[in-house]
C-alpha cells in the first residue's frame, strides 16, 4: 500500500491518510472501535461476524458536531473488507494476527515502521552524492 499525503494539509484523522475513500475510513474506524471495546483483541470468529454484519448492513452514529449525532446505515462487502481494510492494516502493522491463538490485536508496529522510514530518509540526506554518467544514444 502506498500512502500519499500533503504535509501542508494533513487531516486530523490517521484513517484519512491511509485509506482512499470515505467509506473505507468509516469501516476502518468502526473496526478499531470494535477492537478497543474488546480490550484491543478479537478472535477470528468475531472478526468474521464483524465482516458479516458489515456485509448485511449496520447502523452507526456519526458525530456531526458537538451536539448533533447522525444515524447512518453502512453496508460493505465482506470480501472487500478483508482485501481493502483488514489486509492493508495487517501489512502496515496497525493490526497483528497471532496464528497460534487465532486472534487479531491492535499493534504499534506502524509507528515503529514510520520512524524507520524517517531514519531512512535522514540517511539518504547525509549520503554523499554519486556521480552519474549519462550516455547519449
N, C-alpha and C. Protein backbone atom coordinates (compact mmCIF):
# COMPACT_ATOMS: atom_id res chain seq x y z
N UNK A 1 0.84 -1.18 0.00
CA UNK A 1 0.00 0.00 0.00
C UNK A 1 0.88 1.23 0.00
N UNK A 2 0.49 2.23 -0.75
CA UNK A 2 1.24 3.48 -0.83
C UNK A 2 0.45 4.56 -0.10
N UNK A 3 1.13 5.28 0.76
CA UNK A 3 0.49 6.38 1.48
C UNK A 3 1.02 7.68 0.89
N UNK A 4 0.14 8.47 0.32
CA UNK A 4 0.49 9.78 -0.19
C UNK A 4 -0.20 10.83 0.67
N UNK A 5 0.54 11.86 1.06
CA UNK A 5 -0.07 12.90 1.87
C UNK A 5 0.55 14.24 1.55
N UNK A 6 -0.19 15.27 1.85
CA UNK A 6 0.25 16.65 1.66
C UNK A 6 0.62 17.18 3.04
N UNK A 7 1.90 17.50 3.25
CA UNK A 7 2.36 17.94 4.56
C UNK A 7 1.68 19.22 5.04
N UNK A 8 1.14 20.00 4.11
CA UNK A 8 0.51 21.27 4.49
C UNK A 8 -0.98 21.11 4.77
N UNK A 9 -1.55 19.98 4.39
CA UNK A 9 -2.97 19.73 4.59
C UNK A 9 -3.20 18.36 5.18
N UNK A 10 -2.51 18.05 6.27
CA UNK A 10 -2.70 16.76 6.92
C UNK A 10 -4.06 16.72 7.61
N UNK A 11 -4.83 15.68 7.36
CA UNK A 11 -6.10 15.56 8.08
C UNK A 11 -5.86 15.26 9.56
N UNK A 12 -6.88 15.48 10.37
CA UNK A 12 -6.79 15.21 11.81
C UNK A 12 -6.84 13.73 12.11
N UNK A 13 -7.29 12.94 11.15
CA UNK A 13 -7.57 11.53 11.35
C UNK A 13 -6.57 10.67 10.57
N UNK A 14 -5.92 9.73 11.23
CA UNK A 14 -4.95 8.85 10.58
C UNK A 14 -5.58 8.03 9.47
N UNK A 15 -6.83 7.65 9.62
CA UNK A 15 -7.50 6.82 8.63
C UNK A 15 -7.69 7.55 7.30
N UNK A 16 -7.84 8.87 7.35
CA UNK A 16 -7.99 9.66 6.12
C UNK A 16 -6.67 9.76 5.36
N UNK A 17 -5.56 9.51 6.02
CA UNK A 17 -4.27 9.48 5.34
C UNK A 17 -4.07 8.10 4.70
N UNK A 18 -4.48 7.07 5.39
CA UNK A 18 -4.21 5.70 4.95
C UNK A 18 -5.18 5.22 3.88
N UNK A 19 -6.47 5.51 4.03
CA UNK A 19 -7.48 4.96 3.12
C UNK A 19 -7.97 6.00 2.13
N UNK A 20 -8.35 5.51 0.93
CA UNK A 20 -8.67 6.38 -0.19
C UNK A 20 -10.09 6.95 -0.16
N UNK A 21 -11.06 6.16 0.32
CA UNK A 21 -12.45 6.62 0.25
C UNK A 21 -13.02 6.86 1.65
N UNK A 22 -14.07 7.65 1.70
CA UNK A 22 -14.76 7.94 2.97
C UNK A 22 -15.32 6.66 3.58
N UNK A 23 -15.86 5.78 2.73
CA UNK A 23 -16.44 4.54 3.22
C UNK A 23 -15.37 3.66 3.88
N UNK A 24 -14.20 3.59 3.27
CA UNK A 24 -13.10 2.82 3.86
C UNK A 24 -12.67 3.42 5.19
N UNK A 25 -12.64 4.72 5.27
CA UNK A 25 -12.29 5.41 6.52
C UNK A 25 -13.27 5.03 7.63
N UNK A 26 -14.55 5.06 7.31
CA UNK A 26 -15.59 4.74 8.29
C UNK A 26 -15.47 3.28 8.74
N UNK A 27 -15.28 2.37 7.79
CA UNK A 27 -15.18 0.94 8.12
C UNK A 27 -13.95 0.69 9.00
N UNK A 28 -12.83 1.30 8.65
CA UNK A 28 -11.61 1.13 9.46
C UNK A 28 -11.81 1.67 10.88
N UNK A 29 -12.45 2.82 11.00
CA UNK A 29 -12.74 3.39 12.33
C UNK A 29 -13.64 2.45 13.13
N UNK A 30 -14.68 1.92 12.47
CA UNK A 30 -15.59 1.00 13.16
C UNK A 30 -14.85 -0.25 13.64
N UNK A 31 -13.95 -0.76 12.82
CA UNK A 31 -13.18 -1.94 13.20
C UNK A 31 -12.31 -1.65 14.43
N UNK A 32 -11.61 -0.54 14.41
CA UNK A 32 -10.74 -0.19 15.53
C UNK A 32 -11.56 0.03 16.80
N UNK A 33 -12.70 0.70 16.67
CA UNK A 33 -13.56 0.92 17.84
C UNK A 33 -14.08 -0.41 18.39
N UNK A 34 -14.44 -1.33 17.49
CA UNK A 34 -14.89 -2.66 17.92
C UNK A 34 -13.79 -3.38 18.69
N UNK A 35 -12.57 -3.29 18.18
CA UNK A 35 -11.45 -3.95 18.84
C UNK A 35 -11.13 -3.29 20.18
N UNK A 36 -11.24 -1.97 20.25
CA UNK A 36 -11.00 -1.27 21.52
C UNK A 36 -12.02 -1.67 22.57
N UNK A 37 -13.27 -1.88 22.15
CA UNK A 37 -14.31 -2.31 23.08
C UNK A 37 -14.00 -3.68 23.67
N UNK A 38 -13.27 -4.48 22.91
CA UNK A 38 -12.92 -5.83 23.37
C UNK A 38 -11.45 -5.88 23.81
N UNK A 39 -11.00 -4.79 24.41
CA UNK A 39 -9.66 -4.68 25.00
C UNK A 39 -8.54 -4.87 23.99
N UNK A 40 -8.78 -4.47 22.73
CA UNK A 40 -7.73 -4.46 21.72
C UNK A 40 -7.46 -5.78 21.04
N UNK A 41 -8.27 -6.79 21.31
CA UNK A 41 -8.02 -8.11 20.72
C UNK A 41 -9.34 -8.83 20.46
N UNK A 42 -9.49 -9.35 19.23
CA UNK A 42 -10.67 -10.14 18.91
C UNK A 42 -10.25 -11.39 18.16
N UNK A 43 -11.06 -12.40 18.28
CA UNK A 43 -10.78 -13.68 17.65
C UNK A 43 -11.16 -13.70 16.18
N UNK A 44 -10.76 -14.76 15.52
CA UNK A 44 -11.04 -14.93 14.11
C UNK A 44 -12.54 -15.01 13.84
N UNK A 45 -13.25 -15.69 14.71
CA UNK A 45 -14.70 -15.82 14.58
C UNK A 45 -15.39 -14.48 14.76
N UNK A 46 -14.94 -13.71 15.76
CA UNK A 46 -15.51 -12.37 15.98
C UNK A 46 -15.25 -11.46 14.79
N UNK A 47 -14.06 -11.58 14.19
CA UNK A 47 -13.76 -10.76 13.01
C UNK A 47 -14.67 -11.14 11.86
N UNK A 48 -14.91 -12.43 11.69
CA UNK A 48 -15.81 -12.89 10.65
C UNK A 48 -17.23 -12.38 10.89
N UNK A 49 -17.67 -12.39 12.15
CA UNK A 49 -19.01 -11.89 12.48
C UNK A 49 -19.10 -10.39 12.21
N UNK A 50 -18.01 -9.65 12.51
CA UNK A 50 -17.98 -8.21 12.23
C UNK A 50 -18.09 -7.97 10.73
N UNK A 51 -17.32 -8.73 9.93
CA UNK A 51 -17.35 -8.59 8.47
C UNK A 51 -18.73 -8.95 7.91
N UNK A 52 -19.35 -9.98 8.48
CA UNK A 52 -20.69 -10.38 8.04
C UNK A 52 -21.71 -9.31 8.36
N UNK A 53 -21.62 -8.72 9.55
CA UNK A 53 -22.57 -7.66 9.91
C UNK A 53 -22.39 -6.44 9.01
N UNK A 54 -21.16 -6.14 8.61
CA UNK A 54 -20.93 -5.06 7.65
C UNK A 54 -21.55 -5.41 6.30
N UNK A 55 -21.40 -6.66 5.91
CA UNK A 55 -21.93 -7.11 4.62
C UNK A 55 -23.46 -6.99 4.60
N UNK A 56 -24.09 -7.33 5.72
CA UNK A 56 -25.55 -7.27 5.80
C UNK A 56 -26.05 -5.86 6.03
N UNK A 57 -25.18 -4.99 6.50
CA UNK A 57 -25.54 -3.60 6.75
C UNK A 57 -25.72 -3.34 8.23
N UNK A 58 -24.99 -2.35 8.73
CA UNK A 58 -25.10 -1.99 10.15
C UNK A 58 -25.44 -0.52 10.26
N UNK A 59 -26.04 -0.19 11.39
CA UNK A 59 -26.38 1.19 11.67
C UNK A 59 -25.37 1.71 12.69
N UNK A 60 -24.88 2.92 12.44
CA UNK A 60 -23.92 3.52 13.36
C UNK A 60 -24.21 5.01 13.48
N UNK A 61 -23.67 5.61 14.52
CA UNK A 61 -23.84 7.04 14.74
C UNK A 61 -22.56 7.76 14.43
N UNK A 62 -22.68 8.84 13.67
CA UNK A 62 -21.53 9.67 13.36
C UNK A 62 -21.72 11.03 14.03
N UNK A 63 -20.67 11.51 14.66
CA UNK A 63 -20.69 12.80 15.34
C UNK A 63 -20.54 13.90 14.29
N UNK A 64 -21.62 14.65 14.05
CA UNK A 64 -21.55 15.76 13.09
C UNK A 64 -20.94 17.00 13.75
N UNK A 65 -21.49 17.35 14.90
CA UNK A 65 -20.96 18.46 15.69
C UNK A 65 -20.94 18.01 17.14
N UNK A 66 -20.65 18.93 18.04
CA UNK A 66 -20.64 18.59 19.47
C UNK A 66 -22.02 18.15 19.96
N UNK A 67 -23.07 18.68 19.36
CA UNK A 67 -24.42 18.40 19.83
C UNK A 67 -25.19 17.41 18.96
N UNK A 68 -24.85 17.34 17.69
CA UNK A 68 -25.64 16.55 16.75
C UNK A 68 -24.95 15.23 16.43
N UNK A 69 -25.70 14.15 16.61
CA UNK A 69 -25.25 12.82 16.19
C UNK A 69 -26.20 12.36 15.09
N UNK A 70 -25.64 11.87 14.02
CA UNK A 70 -26.44 11.45 12.88
C UNK A 70 -26.35 9.93 12.74
N UNK A 71 -27.52 9.27 12.68
CA UNK A 71 -27.55 7.83 12.47
C UNK A 71 -27.47 7.54 10.98
N UNK A 72 -26.59 6.61 10.63
CA UNK A 72 -26.42 6.24 9.23
C UNK A 72 -26.37 4.73 9.11
N UNK A 73 -26.69 4.23 7.93
CA UNK A 73 -26.59 2.80 7.66
C UNK A 73 -25.44 2.59 6.69
N UNK A 74 -24.66 1.57 6.97
CA UNK A 74 -23.49 1.27 6.16
C UNK A 74 -23.49 -0.19 5.77
N UNK A 75 -23.21 -0.44 4.51
CA UNK A 75 -23.06 -1.81 4.03
C UNK A 75 -21.73 -1.87 3.30
N UNK A 76 -20.95 -2.92 3.60
CA UNK A 76 -19.63 -3.06 2.99
C UNK A 76 -19.40 -4.54 2.69
N UNK A 77 -19.04 -4.83 1.47
CA UNK A 77 -18.84 -6.20 1.02
C UNK A 77 -17.80 -6.92 1.89
N UNK A 78 -18.12 -8.15 2.28
CA UNK A 78 -17.25 -8.91 3.19
C UNK A 78 -15.88 -9.17 2.58
N UNK A 79 -15.84 -9.56 1.33
CA UNK A 79 -14.55 -9.83 0.69
C UNK A 79 -13.72 -8.55 0.57
N UNK A 80 -14.38 -7.46 0.20
CA UNK A 80 -13.66 -6.19 0.10
C UNK A 80 -13.16 -5.73 1.47
N UNK A 81 -13.89 -6.06 2.52
CA UNK A 81 -13.43 -5.73 3.87
C UNK A 81 -12.08 -6.38 4.14
N UNK A 82 -11.99 -7.68 3.83
CA UNK A 82 -10.72 -8.39 4.06
C UNK A 82 -9.61 -7.87 3.13
N UNK A 83 -9.95 -7.63 1.86
CA UNK A 83 -8.95 -7.21 0.87
C UNK A 83 -8.50 -5.76 1.02
N UNK A 84 -9.44 -4.87 1.31
CA UNK A 84 -9.13 -3.44 1.29
C UNK A 84 -8.97 -2.78 2.66
N UNK A 85 -9.43 -3.46 3.70
CA UNK A 85 -9.33 -2.87 5.04
C UNK A 85 -8.41 -3.70 5.92
N UNK A 86 -8.79 -4.93 6.20
CA UNK A 86 -8.05 -5.74 7.17
C UNK A 86 -6.64 -6.10 6.70
N UNK A 87 -6.50 -6.57 5.47
CA UNK A 87 -5.17 -6.96 4.98
C UNK A 87 -4.20 -5.79 4.95
N UNK A 88 -4.58 -4.63 4.41
CA UNK A 88 -3.64 -3.50 4.47
C UNK A 88 -3.30 -3.08 5.91
N UNK A 89 -4.26 -3.15 6.81
CA UNK A 89 -3.98 -2.78 8.20
C UNK A 89 -3.00 -3.77 8.83
N UNK A 90 -3.10 -5.05 8.45
CA UNK A 90 -2.15 -6.04 8.94
C UNK A 90 -0.76 -5.79 8.35
N UNK A 91 -0.68 -5.54 7.07
CA UNK A 91 0.63 -5.36 6.43
C UNK A 91 1.32 -4.08 6.87
N UNK A 92 0.56 -3.07 7.28
CA UNK A 92 1.17 -1.82 7.76
C UNK A 92 1.54 -1.89 9.23
N UNK A 93 1.06 -2.90 9.94
CA UNK A 93 1.39 -3.03 11.35
C UNK A 93 0.40 -2.39 12.30
N UNK A 94 -0.76 -1.98 11.79
CA UNK A 94 -1.80 -1.43 12.66
C UNK A 94 -2.47 -2.54 13.46
N UNK A 95 -2.59 -3.70 12.83
CA UNK A 95 -3.21 -4.87 13.46
C UNK A 95 -2.26 -6.06 13.29
N UNK A 96 -2.08 -6.81 14.35
CA UNK A 96 -1.26 -8.03 14.32
C UNK A 96 -2.18 -9.24 14.38
N UNK A 97 -1.78 -10.32 13.71
CA UNK A 97 -2.53 -11.57 13.76
C UNK A 97 -1.66 -12.63 14.41
N UNK A 98 -2.18 -13.24 15.48
CA UNK A 98 -1.48 -14.32 16.16
C UNK A 98 -2.00 -15.65 15.61
N UNK A 99 -1.15 -16.35 14.87
CA UNK A 99 -1.58 -17.59 14.23
C UNK A 99 -1.89 -18.70 15.22
N UNK A 100 -1.24 -18.69 16.37
CA UNK A 100 -1.45 -19.74 17.36
C UNK A 100 -2.76 -19.54 18.12
N UNK A 101 -2.99 -18.31 18.58
CA UNK A 101 -4.23 -18.02 19.31
C UNK A 101 -5.39 -17.72 18.38
N UNK A 102 -5.09 -17.48 17.08
CA UNK A 102 -6.09 -17.11 16.08
C UNK A 102 -6.85 -15.85 16.50
N UNK A 103 -6.07 -14.83 16.87
CA UNK A 103 -6.66 -13.56 17.28
C UNK A 103 -6.01 -12.40 16.54
N UNK A 104 -6.79 -11.34 16.38
CA UNK A 104 -6.31 -10.08 15.83
C UNK A 104 -6.12 -9.12 17.00
N UNK A 105 -5.01 -8.38 16.99
CA UNK A 105 -4.70 -7.49 18.10
C UNK A 105 -4.21 -6.15 17.56
N UNK A 106 -4.62 -5.07 18.20
CA UNK A 106 -4.11 -3.76 17.83
C UNK A 106 -2.62 -3.71 18.11
N UNK A 107 -1.85 -3.16 17.16
CA UNK A 107 -0.40 -3.16 17.31
C UNK A 107 0.21 -1.79 17.14
N UNK A 108 1.48 -1.67 17.52
CA UNK A 108 2.19 -0.40 17.40
C UNK A 108 3.32 -0.46 16.38
N UNK A 109 3.34 -1.50 15.56
CA UNK A 109 4.40 -1.65 14.57
C UNK A 109 4.35 -0.55 13.51
N UNK A 110 3.15 -0.03 13.25
CA UNK A 110 3.01 1.05 12.27
C UNK A 110 3.87 2.24 12.68
N UNK A 111 3.79 2.63 13.94
CA UNK A 111 4.58 3.75 14.46
C UNK A 111 6.07 3.47 14.30
N UNK A 112 6.50 2.27 14.66
CA UNK A 112 7.91 1.91 14.55
C UNK A 112 8.37 1.94 13.10
N UNK A 113 7.53 1.47 12.20
CA UNK A 113 7.88 1.48 10.78
C UNK A 113 7.97 2.90 10.22
N UNK A 114 7.07 3.79 10.66
CA UNK A 114 7.13 5.17 10.19
C UNK A 114 8.41 5.86 10.69
N UNK A 115 8.83 5.54 11.92
CA UNK A 115 10.09 6.09 12.42
C UNK A 115 11.27 5.55 11.60
N UNK A 116 11.19 4.29 11.22
CA UNK A 116 12.23 3.67 10.40
C UNK A 116 12.31 4.35 9.03
N UNK A 117 11.16 4.66 8.45
CA UNK A 117 11.12 5.36 7.16
C UNK A 117 11.76 6.74 7.30
N UNK A 118 11.48 7.44 8.39
CA UNK A 118 12.09 8.74 8.64
C UNK A 118 13.60 8.65 8.76
N UNK A 119 14.07 7.63 9.44
CA UNK A 119 15.52 7.42 9.58
C UNK A 119 16.16 7.09 8.23
N UNK A 120 15.46 6.32 7.41
CA UNK A 120 15.97 6.01 6.08
C UNK A 120 16.15 7.29 5.26
N UNK A 121 15.19 8.21 5.40
CA UNK A 121 15.28 9.48 4.68
C UNK A 121 16.47 10.31 5.19
N UNK A 122 16.67 10.33 6.50
CA UNK A 122 17.83 11.06 7.05
C UNK A 122 19.15 10.47 6.55
N UNK A 123 19.23 9.16 6.45
CA UNK A 123 20.44 8.52 5.92
C UNK A 123 20.67 8.91 4.47
N UNK A 124 19.59 8.98 3.71
CA UNK A 124 19.71 9.38 2.30
C UNK A 124 20.18 10.83 2.19
N UNK A 125 19.69 11.68 3.05
CA UNK A 125 20.12 13.09 3.04
C UNK A 125 21.61 13.23 3.33
N UNK A 126 22.13 12.42 4.21
CA UNK A 126 23.53 12.51 4.64
C UNK A 126 24.49 11.78 3.70
N UNK A 127 23.98 10.95 2.84
CA UNK A 127 24.82 10.19 1.92
C UNK A 127 25.45 11.14 0.89
N UNK A 128 26.75 10.97 0.61
CA UNK A 128 27.39 11.86 -0.39
C UNK A 128 26.81 11.61 -1.79
N UNK A 129 26.87 12.62 -2.62
CA UNK A 129 26.32 12.46 -3.98
C UNK A 129 27.14 11.48 -4.80
N UNK A 130 26.46 10.80 -5.69
CA UNK A 130 27.11 9.87 -6.60
C UNK A 130 27.23 10.55 -7.96
N UNK A 131 28.34 10.37 -8.59
CA UNK A 131 28.47 10.95 -9.92
C UNK A 131 27.80 10.01 -10.93
N UNK A 132 26.86 10.54 -11.62
CA UNK A 132 26.13 9.76 -12.61
C UNK A 132 26.68 10.07 -13.98
N UNK A 133 26.84 9.06 -14.80
CA UNK A 133 27.34 9.22 -16.15
C UNK A 133 26.16 8.97 -17.10
N UNK A 134 25.83 10.02 -17.84
CA UNK A 134 24.74 9.90 -18.79
C UNK A 134 25.31 9.62 -20.17
N UNK A 135 24.81 8.62 -20.82
CA UNK A 135 25.28 8.27 -22.15
C UNK A 135 24.27 8.71 -23.18
N UNK A 136 24.77 9.27 -24.26
CA UNK A 136 23.88 9.65 -25.35
C UNK A 136 23.76 8.48 -26.31
N UNK A 137 22.60 8.30 -26.86
CA UNK A 137 22.38 7.21 -27.81
C UNK A 137 22.68 7.65 -29.21
